Structure formats: structure tokens, C-alpha cells
Amino acid sequence: MCGELLRNDETLDDLQLKGICVIQKKNAFRFGVDAVLLANFAKIKKGARVMDLCSGTGIIPFILAGKTDAEYIAGLELQEEMVDMAIRSIKFNKLQDRMEFINRDLNDIKFLKNLPRFDVLTVNPPYKLKNSGIININDKNAIARHEIFCTLEDVIKATKAVLKDNGRMYMIHRPDRLADIICTMRQYKIEPKLIRMVQPNFKKAPNMVLIEGQNNGGAFLKWEAPLYIYNVEGGYTEEIHRIYGRQKSEE
């Protein structure tokens, strides 16, 4: 079965989570720690319907399929090649009854509003502004990192279109965009509820931020203690080991 689903320029990567594997390109954009942290940050109740925007090859939906009792998980992705890999990963993992990937532009608000509403939305969007550096719009890595086909406001607008009333949004982004994130969320009545900074170690400034929002929620914002990736010895912290579901000896 693996030979039938895998192309020559692809790898099948084991998530070490209930035997789930994902198909990725050998020399293209591959998932990193940010996707893993976001999937762990999201709170998913049993029987929930979950949408993942900017889904790529589906790493966040596949982690959520392994870690949660969500009833249905959908990924929305613009790049057809990414969706094709994600669909083949569904077949490999035999998750057709719980998962689906949709090849659409998140700016198609009319399409999104016609979907059944979701309890939870996750998104690991492009971080960098479109005008930040030289960009090749045909470069798949650039599309994943720069706001070429969608802006932060586009992401929030799409979130508003698919979430149930009081549904929750979970996003990972860069701390330098935090003011933009909060202002845009409030513009679309998605109230910031929880923020957690992610730091490489306790001596360095945050380089990622996790944020939870509630659709039409009341104004009350909490901060969690920072999440540190590395300890003073340079190895992963205990929390990162727990998130990855492994023992220290496996590092």
C-alpha cells in the first residue's frame, strides 16, 4: 500500500502517535515544531468538529486525529499538490471516516459560509508580510511563510465564517505581529482569551506566540507561563518531551 501511495520525491514520516504517518516532499516545506505546539495547545472536546486552515500536508489534523476524540477534522489548503499528499496520507492511515481535506482558497467566504459550522479552528498561517524580502510567488516554501495568497486579516475573516457561536480559534504566530493579531481578532468579534509565549530558552526572547480566541466571547484575557523549547544544557525541556510523547532517553 505504501508503494502505491508514495511518489519518488516523497517521504512517509512516522509521527510516533498511534502509528500515524504523513506524506511530505523530500525537498519542500516540511512541518516543524510550531505545528506540533499548536496541535498540543488546542483544546478539543470529544465529538468536536475541527477545521484547520492553511493546512499544508495536514500535519495538525493528523496530530489531532491521534491525540483527540474529535468526530470530524477538515483541512483547508490552497495548494493542490499539498492536498493530494494529505488525501493519500488519509488513505494510508485509514482515517477516511474522520478526516477530509479541501482544496479551496480561504478567501472564498461564500464557500466557507456554506459549510456546517465548526467547534474549533486551528491555523498556522504564513508569518511574514508579503513585502518582507524578495519573494518568488511560485516557491512553495515562500507561499507557506509569506502572506502571498492570504493575509492575517484574511485568516481571521475565514475563521469568523466557519466557527460556531462561542467556538474556539487556536493560532501560532510571531510575537512581533501580536498587536495586529489582537486588533484584527477584535475587529471580527473573535475575543482573545489566552496567550502563551514560546521561547527558545529562558535567556532568549519569545520567537513564537500561541493564542486562543472565542467567537463572540466576552472580554477576559489570560496569560500562561512561557513555554521553553530548550533547557540550560541545550536539550529539550521536559514539557517538549511530554508534548512529543517521548522519554528523555529517546532524544
Protein backbone atom coordinates (compact mmCIF):
# COMPACT_ATOMS: atom_id res chain seq x y z
CA MET A 1 0.00 0.00 0.00
CA CYS A 2 2.84 2.41 0.83
CA GLY A 3 4.36 1.91 -2.63
CA GLU A 4 1.04 2.71 -4.28
CA LEU A 5 0.59 5.98 -2.36
CA LEU A 6 4.15 7.32 -2.21
CA ARG A 7 5.90 9.20 -5.05
CA ASN A 8 9.65 9.10 -5.74
CA ASP A 9 10.22 12.61 -4.37
CA GLU A 10 8.29 12.00 -1.14
CA THR A 11 8.86 10.50 2.30
CA LEU A 12 6.47 8.78 4.69
CA ASP A 13 7.16 10.20 8.13
CA ASP A 14 6.10 8.46 11.34
CA LEU A 15 4.52 10.85 13.87
CA GLN A 16 5.10 8.26 16.62
CA LEU A 17 1.45 8.71 17.51
CA LYS A 18 -0.80 5.66 17.24
CA GLY A 19 1.05 4.59 14.10
CA ILE A 20 0.01 7.67 12.12
CA CYS A 21 2.29 8.73 9.25
CA VAL A 22 2.24 11.71 6.90
CA ILE A 23 3.50 12.06 3.35
CA GLN A 24 5.82 15.01 2.66
CA LYS A 25 8.10 16.19 -0.12
CA LYS A 26 11.79 15.43 0.41
CA ASN A 27 12.94 18.90 -0.64
CA ALA A 28 9.99 21.21 0.01
CA PHE A 29 8.27 22.75 3.02
CA ARG A 30 8.11 20.25 5.89
CA PHE A 31 6.37 20.62 9.22
CA GLY A 32 8.25 21.95 12.22
CA VAL A 33 7.86 22.36 15.96
CA ASP A 34 5.33 25.20 15.51
CA ALA A 35 2.72 22.81 14.10
CA VAL A 36 3.31 20.34 16.93
CA LEU A 37 2.99 23.08 19.56
CA LEU A 38 -0.24 24.38 18.05
CA ALA A 39 -1.82 20.93 17.92
CA ASN A 40 -0.93 20.45 21.59
CA PHE A 41 -2.23 23.92 22.55
CA ALA A 42 -5.67 23.40 21.00
CA LYS A 43 -8.37 22.13 23.37
CA ILE A 44 -10.57 19.63 21.55
CA LYS A 45 -13.58 18.04 23.22
CA LYS A 46 -14.92 14.59 22.40
CA GLY A 47 -17.18 14.69 19.36
CA ALA A 48 -15.94 18.12 18.20
CA ARG A 49 -15.84 19.28 14.61
CA VAL A 50 -12.45 20.83 13.80
CA MET A 51 -11.25 22.92 10.85
CA ASP A 52 -7.56 23.54 10.13
CA LEU A 53 -6.78 26.47 7.81
CA CYS A 54 -3.56 26.76 5.76
CA SER A 55 -3.30 23.03 6.34
CA GLY A 56 -0.38 22.15 4.05
CA THR A 57 0.11 18.38 4.05
CA GLY A 58 -2.14 18.08 7.09
CA ILE A 59 0.26 17.69 9.99
CA ILE A 60 -2.02 19.44 12.51
CA PRO A 61 -5.15 17.46 11.55
CA PHE A 62 -3.20 14.18 11.73
CA ILE A 63 -1.79 15.00 15.17
CA LEU A 64 -5.29 15.95 16.37
CA ALA A 65 -6.66 12.70 14.93
CA GLY A 66 -4.16 10.79 17.06
CA LYS A 67 -4.42 12.87 20.23
CA THR A 68 -8.11 13.74 20.47
CA ASP A 69 -11.58 12.27 20.21
CA ALA A 70 -12.72 14.81 17.62
CA GLU A 71 -15.51 13.40 15.49
CA TYR A 72 -14.51 15.16 12.26
CA ILE A 73 -11.35 17.05 11.23
CA ALA A 74 -11.11 19.00 7.99
CA GLY A 75 -8.08 20.71 6.48
CA LEU A 76 -8.38 23.61 4.03
CA GLU A 77 -5.41 24.23 1.72
CA LEU A 78 -4.95 26.26 -1.46
CA GLN A 79 -2.05 24.30 -2.99
CA GLU A 80 -3.40 21.30 -4.88
CA GLU A 81 -0.17 19.32 -4.56
CA MET A 82 -0.29 19.60 -0.76
CA VAL A 83 -3.91 18.45 -0.65
CA ASP A 84 -3.08 15.48 -2.86
CA MET A 85 -0.41 14.36 -0.37
CA ALA A 86 -2.77 14.88 2.56
CA ILE A 87 -5.52 12.82 0.91
CA ARG A 88 -3.07 9.99 0.28
CA SER A 89 -2.00 10.20 3.94
CA ILE A 90 -5.65 9.76 4.94
CA LYS A 91 -5.80 6.59 2.85
CA PHE A 92 -2.57 5.25 4.30
CA ASN A 93 -3.79 5.81 7.86
CA LYS A 94 -7.33 4.58 7.10
CA LEU A 95 -8.87 7.74 8.56
CA GLN A 96 -11.46 8.35 5.84
CA ASP A 97 -14.29 8.19 8.39
CA ARG A 98 -12.90 11.11 10.45
CA MET A 99 -10.87 13.33 8.12
CA GLU A 100 -11.19 15.32 4.91
CA PHE A 101 -9.01 17.79 3.02
CA ILE A 102 -10.47 20.56 0.90
CA ASN A 103 -8.61 22.24 -1.95
CA ARG A 104 -10.03 25.77 -1.72
CA ASP A 105 -8.94 29.35 -1.16
CA LEU A 106 -9.78 30.58 2.34
CA ASN A 107 -10.75 33.89 0.72
CA ASP A 108 -13.78 32.13 -0.77
CA ILE A 109 -16.00 33.27 2.09
CA LYS A 110 -19.20 32.26 0.30
CA PHE A 111 -17.96 28.65 0.14
CA LEU A 112 -16.89 28.70 3.79
CA LYS A 113 -20.24 30.06 4.99
CA ASN A 114 -22.00 27.17 3.25
CA LEU A 115 -20.07 24.61 5.28
CA PRO A 116 -21.51 23.24 8.53
CA ARG A 117 -20.14 25.24 11.46
CA PHE A 118 -17.10 24.06 13.44
CA ASP A 119 -16.47 23.91 17.20
CA VAL A 120 -12.74 24.54 16.89
CA LEU A 121 -10.45 26.11 14.29
CA THR A 122 -6.67 25.79 14.18
CA VAL A 123 -4.32 27.76 11.94
CA ASN A 124 -0.57 28.02 11.45
CA PRO A 125 -0.64 30.85 8.89
CA PRO A 126 2.13 32.47 6.85
CA TYR A 127 4.05 34.63 9.32
CA LYS A 128 5.87 37.13 7.15
CA LEU A 129 4.39 40.20 5.50
CA LYS A 130 4.27 39.98 1.71
CA ASN A 131 6.71 42.86 1.27
CA SER A 132 9.34 41.49 3.68
CA GLY A 133 12.20 40.49 1.37
CA ILE A 134 12.49 39.06 -2.14
CA ILE A 135 9.76 36.52 -2.83
CA ASN A 136 9.19 34.04 -5.64
CA ILE A 137 5.42 33.56 -5.69
CA ASN A 138 5.88 30.13 -7.32
CA ASP A 139 8.08 28.95 -4.44
CA LYS A 140 6.05 26.61 -2.20
CA ASN A 141 8.24 27.47 0.80
CA ALA A 142 7.60 31.18 0.23
CA ILE A 143 3.86 30.55 0.00
CA ALA A 144 3.96 28.78 3.36
CA ARG A 145 5.97 31.56 5.04
CA HIS A 146 4.86 34.82 3.43
CA GLU A 147 1.43 36.44 3.13
CA ILE A 148 1.30 35.90 -0.63
CA PHE A 149 -2.17 34.43 -1.07
CA CYS A 150 -3.65 35.29 2.33
CA THR A 151 -3.10 37.98 4.94
CA LEU A 152 -3.65 37.85 8.69
CA GLU A 153 -6.99 39.59 8.16
CA ASP A 154 -7.98 37.01 5.52
CA VAL A 155 -7.29 34.25 8.04
CA ILE A 156 -9.37 35.91 10.76
CA LYS A 157 -12.21 36.63 8.33
CA ALA A 158 -12.24 32.96 7.25
CA THR A 159 -12.19 31.89 10.89
CA LYS A 160 -15.26 34.01 11.56
CA ALA A 161 -17.06 32.39 8.62
CA VAL A 162 -16.66 28.80 9.83
CA LEU A 163 -16.77 28.95 13.65
CA LYS A 164 -19.88 28.29 15.70
CA ASP A 165 -21.00 30.96 18.13
CA ASN A 166 -18.59 30.68 21.09
CA GLY A 167 -16.38 28.35 19.04
CA ARG A 168 -12.65 28.49 19.73
CA MET A 169 -9.77 29.54 17.49
CA TYR A 170 -6.17 28.45 18.11
CA MET A 171 -3.28 30.07 16.24
CA ILE A 172 0.51 30.18 16.35
CA HIS A 173 2.28 33.24 15.00
CA ARG A 174 5.19 35.60 15.65
CA PRO A 175 5.30 37.92 18.69
CA ASP A 176 6.07 40.96 16.51
CA ARG A 177 2.61 40.56 14.96
CA LEU A 178 0.77 40.30 18.29
CA ALA A 179 -0.72 43.81 18.17
CA ASP A 180 -2.02 43.15 14.65
CA ILE A 181 -3.41 39.77 15.73
CA ILE A 182 -5.34 41.09 18.73
CA CYS A 183 -6.70 44.13 16.87
CA THR A 184 -7.83 42.05 13.90
CA MET A 185 -9.42 39.38 16.09
CA ARG A 186 -11.45 42.02 17.92
CA GLN A 187 -12.40 43.66 14.63
CA TYR A 188 -14.17 40.40 13.69
CA LYS A 189 -15.50 39.77 17.21
CA ILE A 190 -13.18 36.91 17.99
CA GLU A 191 -12.14 37.73 21.53
CA PRO A 192 -8.55 36.88 22.60
CA LYS A 193 -8.83 34.63 25.67
CA LEU A 194 -5.40 33.08 26.26
CA ILE A 195 -1.84 33.91 25.18
CA ARG A 196 1.32 31.87 25.70
CA MET A 197 4.75 32.94 24.54
CA VAL A 198 7.21 30.34 23.22
CA GLN A 199 10.91 30.95 23.91
CA PRO A 200 13.96 29.05 22.61
CA ASN A 201 15.23 29.04 26.23
CA PHE A 202 14.80 31.12 29.37
CA LYS A 203 17.52 33.60 28.31
CA LYS A 204 16.14 34.39 24.85
CA ALA A 205 13.15 36.49 23.81
CA PRO A 206 10.00 34.75 22.52
CA ASN A 207 10.04 33.77 18.84
CA MET A 208 6.52 32.30 18.68
CA VAL A 209 3.18 33.07 20.32
CA LEU A 210 0.20 30.78 20.86
CA ILE A 211 -3.17 32.48 21.07
CA GLU A 212 -6.70 31.24 21.78
CA GLY A 213 -9.77 33.23 20.76
CA GLN A 214 -13.50 32.77 21.24
CA ASN A 215 -16.09 33.69 18.62
CA ASN A 216 -18.33 36.39 20.18
CA GLY A 217 -16.70 35.78 23.55
CA GLY A 218 -16.58 38.19 26.48
CA ALA A 219 -13.53 40.34 27.19
CA PHE A 220 -11.17 38.48 29.55
CA LEU A 221 -7.57 37.70 28.60
CA LYS A 222 -5.26 35.32 30.47
CA TRP A 223 -1.53 34.71 30.05
CA GLU A 224 0.10 31.33 30.58
CA ALA A 225 3.68 30.88 31.70
CA PRO A 226 6.17 30.81 28.80
CA LEU A 227 6.92 27.55 27.03
CA TYR A 228 10.66 26.89 26.74
CA ILE A 229 11.98 24.68 23.92
CA TYR A 230 15.50 24.05 25.25
CA ASN A 231 16.92 23.77 28.76
CA VAL A 232 20.21 25.23 30.01
CA GLU A 233 22.13 22.14 28.84
CA GLY A 234 20.83 22.59 25.29
CA GLY A 235 18.48 19.61 25.30
CA TYR A 236 14.71 19.68 25.03
CA THR A 237 12.78 20.66 28.15
CA GLU A 238 10.57 18.18 29.99
CA GLU A 239 7.48 19.90 28.60
CA ILE A 240 8.66 19.49 25.00
CA HIS A 241 9.35 15.80 25.67
CA ARG A 242 5.80 15.45 27.03
CA ILE A 243 4.32 17.25 24.01
CA TYR A 244 6.15 14.89 21.67
CA GLY A 245 5.11 11.93 23.82
CA ARG A 246 8.57 10.56 24.36
CA GLN A 247 11.04 9.83 27.12
CA LYS A 248 14.26 11.84 27.58
CA SER A 249 16.36 8.85 26.62
CA GLU A 250 14.78 8.97 23.15
CA GLU A 251 16.23 12.44 22.38
